[in-house]
Amino acid sequence: MKAAMTTDELKELVRTVPDFPAPGILFRDITTLISHGEGLAACVGHLADRAQAAGAELIVGMEARGFIFGAAVAARLGIGFVPVRKPGKLPIATIGIDYALEYGRDRLEIDPGAIPSGHNVVIIDDLIATGGTALAAAELLRQAGARVDHALFVIDLPDLHGAERLRGAGVTVEALMDFPGH
């Protein structure tokens, strides 16, 4: 059996789109990574190894690309997956948190019954930039009774300091790759 792709090889599968969504931005597009079967499998494998090492009892992913990676990692580890949703997407009573965006505010919601109290939850998302969504998710999960000590990302944009902000909230952050700039 062929060895899994390295993180350096995975990084080569991420497409960079200049000037999207605004001039001067280098958008890191994972579409080319997730459409590559071997690359997607290797990416999930690397994330699953890290989640298992962190003692994950439950995986949580943020809407929407966190669903792709988080659910695949949870399935690979044989543990549950809980989606962190945008407002109004869950058909039951939820708990939520409002948080600041660069230009405005947003809200995240979860089904509080899906988070067993004291469980070690690992957050997984495709990318960490400023860290606002991940910080809000960690706070929301902690309000629900989870232990949130680890967050895993496919991509880190270190110049935007999101990983630093998350570490400041007591969360260990790991990313499979990073890209300078924003």
C-alpha atoms as a PDB file:
ATOM      1  CA  MET A   1       0.000   0.000   0.000  1.00  0.00           C
ATOM      2  CA  LYS A   2       1.318   3.434  -0.937  1.00  0.00           C
ATOM      3  CA  ALA A   3       2.268   5.770   1.920  1.00  0.00           C
ATOM      4  CA  ALA A   4      -0.081   8.691   2.585  1.00  0.00           C
ATOM      5  CA  MET A   5       0.761  12.010   1.018  1.00  0.00           C
ATOM      6  CA  THR A   6       2.886  14.319   3.151  1.00  0.00           C
ATOM      7  CA  THR A   7       1.582  17.668   4.346  1.00  0.00           C
ATOM      8  CA  ASP A   8       3.982  19.346   1.906  1.00  0.00           C
ATOM      9  CA  GLU A   9       2.401  17.374  -0.937  1.00  0.00           C
ATOM     10  CA  LEU A  10      -1.062  18.317   0.338  1.00  0.00           C
ATOM     11  CA  LYS A  11      -0.088  21.978   0.397  1.00  0.00           C
ATOM     12  CA  GLU A  12       0.670  21.756  -3.324  1.00  0.00           C
ATOM     13  CA  LEU A  13      -2.980  20.747  -3.894  1.00  0.00           C
ATOM     14  CA  VAL A  14      -4.341  24.001  -2.431  1.00  0.00           C
ATOM     15  CA  ARG A  15      -5.109  26.522  -5.161  1.00  0.00           C
ATOM     16  CA  THR A  16      -4.300  30.190  -4.561  1.00  0.00           C
ATOM     17  CA  VAL A  17      -6.738  32.638  -6.150  1.00  0.00           C
ATOM     18  CA  PRO A  18      -5.444  36.235  -6.190  1.00  0.00           C
ATOM     19  CA  ASP A  19      -7.706  39.214  -5.490  1.00  0.00           C
ATOM     20  CA  PHE A  20     -10.620  37.194  -4.097  1.00  0.00           C
ATOM     21  CA  PRO A  21     -12.891  38.203  -2.454  1.00  0.00           C
ATOM     22  CA  ALA A  22     -11.235  41.618  -2.639  1.00  0.00           C
ATOM     23  CA  PRO A  23      -8.130  43.146  -4.238  1.00  0.00           C
ATOM     24  CA  GLY A  24      -4.930  42.216  -2.416  1.00  0.00           C
ATOM     25  CA  ILE A  25      -6.329  39.012  -0.881  1.00  0.00           C
ATOM     26  CA  LEU A  26      -4.788  35.646  -1.761  1.00  0.00           C
ATOM     27  CA  PHE A  27      -7.680  33.205  -1.295  1.00  0.00           C
ATOM     28  CA  ARG A  28      -6.598  29.681  -0.330  1.00  0.00           C
ATOM     29  CA  ASP A  29      -9.062  27.408  -2.106  1.00  0.00           C
ATOM     30  CA  ILE A  30      -9.373  23.863  -0.740  1.00  0.00           C
ATOM     31  CA  THR A  31     -11.661  22.748  -3.576  1.00  0.00           C
ATOM     32  CA  THR A  32      -8.653  21.379  -5.412  1.00  0.00           C
ATOM     33  CA  LEU A  33      -7.594  19.449  -2.296  1.00  0.00           C
ATOM     34  CA  ILE A  34     -10.973  17.903  -1.500  1.00  0.00           C
ATOM     35  CA  SER A  35     -11.568  16.932  -5.136  1.00  0.00           C
ATOM     36  CA  HIS A  36      -8.303  14.951  -5.138  1.00  0.00           C
ATOM     37  CA  GLY A  37      -9.213  11.545  -3.677  1.00  0.00           C
ATOM     38  CA  GLU A  38      -5.764  10.602  -2.428  1.00  0.00           C
ATOM     39  CA  GLY A  39      -5.206  14.104  -1.082  1.00  0.00           C
ATOM     40  CA  LEU A  40      -8.514  14.197   0.769  1.00  0.00           C
ATOM     41  CA  ALA A  41      -7.889  10.775   2.301  1.00  0.00           C
ATOM     42  CA  ALA A  42      -4.387  11.779   3.409  1.00  0.00           C
ATOM     43  CA  CYS A  43      -5.641  15.075   4.830  1.00  0.00           C
ATOM     44  CA  VAL A  44      -8.328  13.285   6.849  1.00  0.00           C
ATOM     45  CA  GLY A  45      -5.732  10.752   7.994  1.00  0.00           C
ATOM     46  CA  HIS A  46      -3.352  13.441   9.253  1.00  0.00           C
ATOM     47  CA  LEU A  47      -6.180  15.219  11.086  1.00  0.00           C
ATOM     48  CA  ALA A  48      -7.463  11.953  12.563  1.00  0.00           C
ATOM     49  CA  ASP A  49      -3.999  11.073  13.890  1.00  0.00           C
ATOM     50  CA  ARG A  50      -3.803  14.453  15.637  1.00  0.00           C
ATOM     51  CA  ALA A  51      -7.362  14.225  16.997  1.00  0.00           C
ATOM     52  CA  GLN A  52      -6.700  10.760  18.361  1.00  0.00           C
ATOM     53  CA  ALA A  53      -3.442  11.949  19.972  1.00  0.00           C
ATOM     54  CA  ALA A  54      -5.441  14.769  21.617  1.00  0.00           C
ATOM     55  CA  GLY A  55      -7.803  12.191  23.141  1.00  0.00           C
ATOM     56  CA  ALA A  56     -10.864  13.278  21.162  1.00  0.00           C
ATOM     57  CA  GLU A  57     -14.133  11.817  22.397  1.00  0.00           C
ATOM     58  CA  LEU A  58     -16.204  13.942  20.033  1.00  0.00           C
ATOM     59  CA  ILE A  59     -15.416  15.989  16.923  1.00  0.00           C
ATOM     60  CA  VAL A  60     -17.054  19.347  16.252  1.00  0.00           C
ATOM     61  CA  GLY A  61     -16.933  21.149  12.910  1.00  0.00           C
ATOM     62  CA  MET A  62     -18.060  24.625  11.942  1.00  0.00           C
ATOM     63  CA  GLU A  63     -20.332  25.340   9.015  1.00  0.00           C
ATOM     64  CA  ALA A  64     -19.612  24.637   6.280  1.00  0.00           C
ATOM     65  CA  ARG A  65     -16.188  23.293   5.333  1.00  0.00           C
ATOM     66  CA  GLY A  66     -15.562  22.085   8.880  1.00  0.00           C
ATOM     67  CA  PHE A  67     -18.371  19.622   8.200  1.00  0.00           C
ATOM     68  CA  ILE A  68     -16.349  18.031   5.390  1.00  0.00           C
ATOM     69  CA  PHE A  69     -13.215  17.405   7.415  1.00  0.00           C
ATOM     70  CA  GLY A  70     -14.790  16.987  10.852  1.00  0.00           C
ATOM     71  CA  ALA A  71     -17.341  14.362   9.848  1.00  0.00           C
ATOM     72  CA  ALA A  72     -14.710  12.382   7.932  1.00  0.00           C
ATOM     73  CA  VAL A  73     -12.324  12.441  10.905  1.00  0.00           C
ATOM     74  CA  ALA A  74     -15.093  11.408  13.312  1.00  0.00           C
ATOM     75  CA  ALA A  75     -16.076   8.509  11.044  1.00  0.00           C
ATOM     76  CA  ARG A  76     -12.473   7.391  10.747  1.00  0.00           C
ATOM     77  CA  LEU A  77     -12.080   7.424  14.550  1.00  0.00           C
ATOM     78  CA  GLY A  78     -15.466   5.845  15.187  1.00  0.00           C
ATOM     79  CA  ILE A  79     -16.661   8.735  17.363  1.00  0.00           C
ATOM     80  CA  GLY A  80     -19.499  11.224  17.060  1.00  0.00           C
ATOM     81  CA  PHE A  81     -19.604  14.463  15.098  1.00  0.00           C
ATOM     82  CA  VAL A  82     -21.534  17.590  16.102  1.00  0.00           C
ATOM     83  CA  PRO A  83     -22.087  20.443  13.650  1.00  0.00           C
ATOM     84  CA  VAL A  84     -21.798  24.044  14.815  1.00  0.00           C
ATOM     85  CA  ARG A  85     -24.467  25.764  12.750  1.00  0.00           C
ATOM     86  CA  LYS A  86     -25.442  29.196  11.566  1.00  0.00           C
ATOM     87  CA  PRO A  87     -28.622  30.560  13.170  1.00  0.00           C
ATOM     88  CA  GLY A  88     -31.971  28.983  12.392  1.00  0.00           C
ATOM     89  CA  LYS A  89     -30.604  25.759  10.868  1.00  0.00           C
ATOM     90  CA  LEU A  90     -31.424  23.381  13.729  1.00  0.00           C
ATOM     91  CA  PRO A  91     -35.053  22.274  14.261  1.00  0.00           C
ATOM     92  CA  ILE A  92     -34.803  22.157  18.076  1.00  0.00           C
ATOM     93  CA  ALA A  93     -34.066  24.539  20.946  1.00  0.00           C
ATOM     94  CA  THR A  94     -30.422  25.539  20.699  1.00  0.00           C
ATOM     95  CA  ILE A  95     -27.817  27.426  22.643  1.00  0.00           C
ATOM     96  CA  GLY A  96     -25.909  30.059  20.752  1.00  0.00           C
ATOM     97  CA  ILE A  97     -23.280  32.729  20.890  1.00  0.00           C
ATOM     98  CA  ASP A  98     -22.968  36.025  19.054  1.00  0.00           C
ATOM     99  CA  TYR A  99     -19.502  37.080  17.959  1.00  0.00           C
ATOM    100  CA  ALA A 100     -17.791  39.876  16.077  1.00  0.00           C
ATOM    101  CA  LEU A 101     -16.736  39.629  12.462  1.00  0.00           C
ATOM    102  CA  GLU A 102     -14.433  42.008  10.633  1.00  0.00           C
ATOM    103  CA  TYR A 103     -17.496  43.886   9.363  1.00  0.00           C
ATOM    104  CA  GLY A 104     -20.413  43.098  11.635  1.00  0.00           C
ATOM    105  CA  ARG A 105     -21.637  40.259  13.824  1.00  0.00           C
ATOM    106  CA  ASP A 106     -22.668  36.647  13.406  1.00  0.00           C
ATOM    107  CA  ARG A 107     -24.042  33.824  15.526  1.00  0.00           C
ATOM    108  CA  LEU A 108     -23.278  30.147  16.039  1.00  0.00           C
ATOM    109  CA  GLU A 109     -25.678  27.562  17.465  1.00  0.00           C
ATOM    110  CA  ILE A 110     -25.525  23.960  18.650  1.00  0.00           C
ATOM    111  CA  ASP A 111     -27.865  21.306  19.944  1.00  0.00           C
ATOM    112  CA  PRO A 112     -26.943  21.299  23.656  1.00  0.00           C
ATOM    113  CA  GLY A 113     -28.081  17.692  24.005  1.00  0.00           C
ATOM    114  CA  ALA A 114     -25.431  16.565  21.537  1.00  0.00           C
ATOM    115  CA  ILE A 115     -22.556  17.587  23.833  1.00  0.00           C
ATOM    116  CA  PRO A 116     -22.033  15.165  26.749  1.00  0.00           C
ATOM    117  CA  SER A 117     -20.819  17.111  29.772  1.00  0.00           C
ATOM    118  CA  GLY A 118     -17.084  16.803  30.349  1.00  0.00           C
ATOM    119  CA  HIS A 119     -16.362  15.164  26.982  1.00  0.00           C
ATOM    120  CA  ASN A 120     -13.058  16.039  25.339  1.00  0.00           C
ATOM    121  CA  VAL A 121     -14.120  17.821  22.164  1.00  0.00           C
ATOM    122  CA  VAL A 122     -11.724  18.577  19.308  1.00  0.00           C
ATOM    123  CA  ILE A 123     -12.716  21.368  16.933  1.00  0.00           C
ATOM    124  CA  ILE A 124     -11.898  20.836  13.248  1.00  0.00           C
ATOM    125  CA  ASP A 125     -12.180  23.390  10.453  1.00  0.00           C
ATOM    126  CA  ASP A 126     -10.609  23.970   7.078  1.00  0.00           C
ATOM    127  CA  LEU A 127      -8.881  27.259   7.864  1.00  0.00           C
ATOM    128  CA  ILE A 128      -8.028  29.587  10.718  1.00  0.00           C
ATOM    129  CA  ALA A 129      -7.613  33.245   9.828  1.00  0.00           C
ATOM    130  CA  THR A 130      -8.542  35.792  12.527  1.00  0.00           C
ATOM    131  CA  GLY A 131      -9.879  33.070  14.820  1.00  0.00           C
ATOM    132  CA  GLY A 132     -13.241  34.705  15.567  1.00  0.00           C
ATOM    133  CA  THR A 133     -15.385  31.738  14.587  1.00  0.00           C
ATOM    134  CA  ALA A 134     -13.148  29.189  16.324  1.00  0.00           C
ATOM    135  CA  LEU A 135     -13.030  31.277  19.517  1.00  0.00           C
ATOM    136  CA  ALA A 136     -16.806  31.604  19.534  1.00  0.00           C
ATOM    137  CA  ALA A 137     -17.216  27.862  18.928  1.00  0.00           C
ATOM    138  CA  ALA A 138     -14.840  27.014  21.792  1.00  0.00           C
ATOM    139  CA  GLU A 139     -16.717  29.327  24.150  1.00  0.00           C
ATOM    140  CA  LEU A 140     -20.089  27.922  23.076  1.00  0.00           C
ATOM    141  CA  LEU A 141     -18.911  24.324  23.539  1.00  0.00           C
ATOM    142  CA  ARG A 142     -17.533  25.147  26.967  1.00  0.00           C
ATOM    143  CA  GLN A 143     -20.899  26.697  27.901  1.00  0.00           C
ATOM    144  CA  ALA A 144     -22.467  23.371  26.882  1.00  0.00           C
ATOM    145  CA  GLY A 145     -20.152  21.536  29.298  1.00  0.00           C
ATOM    146  CA  ALA A 146     -17.476  20.264  26.916  1.00  0.00           C
ATOM    147  CA  ARG A 147     -13.763  20.281  27.538  1.00  0.00           C
ATOM    148  CA  VAL A 148     -12.181  22.093  24.586  1.00  0.00           C
ATOM    149  CA  ASP A 149      -8.392  21.937  24.625  1.00  0.00           C
ATOM    150  CA  HIS A 150      -7.564  21.271  20.955  1.00  0.00           C
ATOM    151  CA  ALA A 151      -8.459  22.683  17.554  1.00  0.00           C
ATOM    152  CA  LEU A 152      -7.209  21.310  14.258  1.00  0.00           C
ATOM    153  CA  PHE A 153      -7.140  23.101  10.926  1.00  0.00           C
ATOM    154  CA  VAL A 154      -6.077  22.165   7.450  1.00  0.00           C
ATOM    155  CA  ILE A 155      -4.711  25.697   6.829  1.00  0.00           C
ATOM    156  CA  ASP A 156      -3.414  28.433   9.122  1.00  0.00           C
ATOM    157  CA  LEU A 157      -2.960  32.010   7.921  1.00  0.00           C
ATOM    158  CA  PRO A 158      -0.473  32.995  10.662  1.00  0.00           C
ATOM    159  CA  ASP A 159      -0.235  36.656   9.639  1.00  0.00           C
ATOM    160  CA  LEU A 160      -3.863  37.085  10.776  1.00  0.00           C
ATOM    161  CA  HIS A 161      -3.024  35.789  14.309  1.00  0.00           C
ATOM    162  CA  GLY A 162      -6.103  33.596  14.779  1.00  0.00           C
ATOM    163  CA  ALA A 163      -4.113  30.648  16.116  1.00  0.00           C
ATOM    164  CA  GLU A 164      -2.460  32.956  18.658  1.00  0.00           C
ATOM    165  CA  ARG A 165      -5.862  34.212  19.799  1.00  0.00           C
ATOM    166  CA  LEU A 166      -7.146  30.667  20.206  1.00  0.00           C
ATOM    167  CA  ARG A 167      -4.035  29.643  22.142  1.00  0.00           C
ATOM    168  CA  GLY A 168      -4.660  32.646  24.409  1.00  0.00           C
ATOM    169  CA  ALA A 169      -8.040  31.062  25.233  1.00  0.00           C
ATOM    170  CA  GLY A 170      -6.344  27.848  26.353  1.00  0.00           C
ATOM    171  CA  VAL A 171      -6.760  25.866  23.139  1.00  0.00           C
ATOM    172  CA  THR A 172      -3.853  23.998  21.554  1.00  0.00           C
ATOM    173  CA  VAL A 173      -3.857  24.738  17.826  1.00  0.00           C
ATOM    174  CA  GLU A 174      -2.403  22.579  15.078  1.00  0.00           C
ATOM    175  CA  ALA A 175      -2.594  23.086  11.324  1.00  0.00           C
ATOM    176  CA  LEU A 176      -1.419  20.788   8.568  1.00  0.00           C
ATOM    177  CA  MET A 177      -0.035  23.717   6.591  1.00  0.00           C
ATOM    178  CA  ASP A 178       0.295  27.468   6.679  1.00  0.00           C
ATOM    179  CA  PHE A 179       0.413  30.219   4.118  1.00  0.00           C
ATOM    180  CA  PRO A 180       1.903  33.678   4.687  1.00  0.00           C
ATOM    181  CA  GLY A 181      -0.202  36.719   3.929  1.00  0.00           C
ATOM    182  CA  HIS A 182      -3.981  36.839   3.906  1.00  0.00           C
END
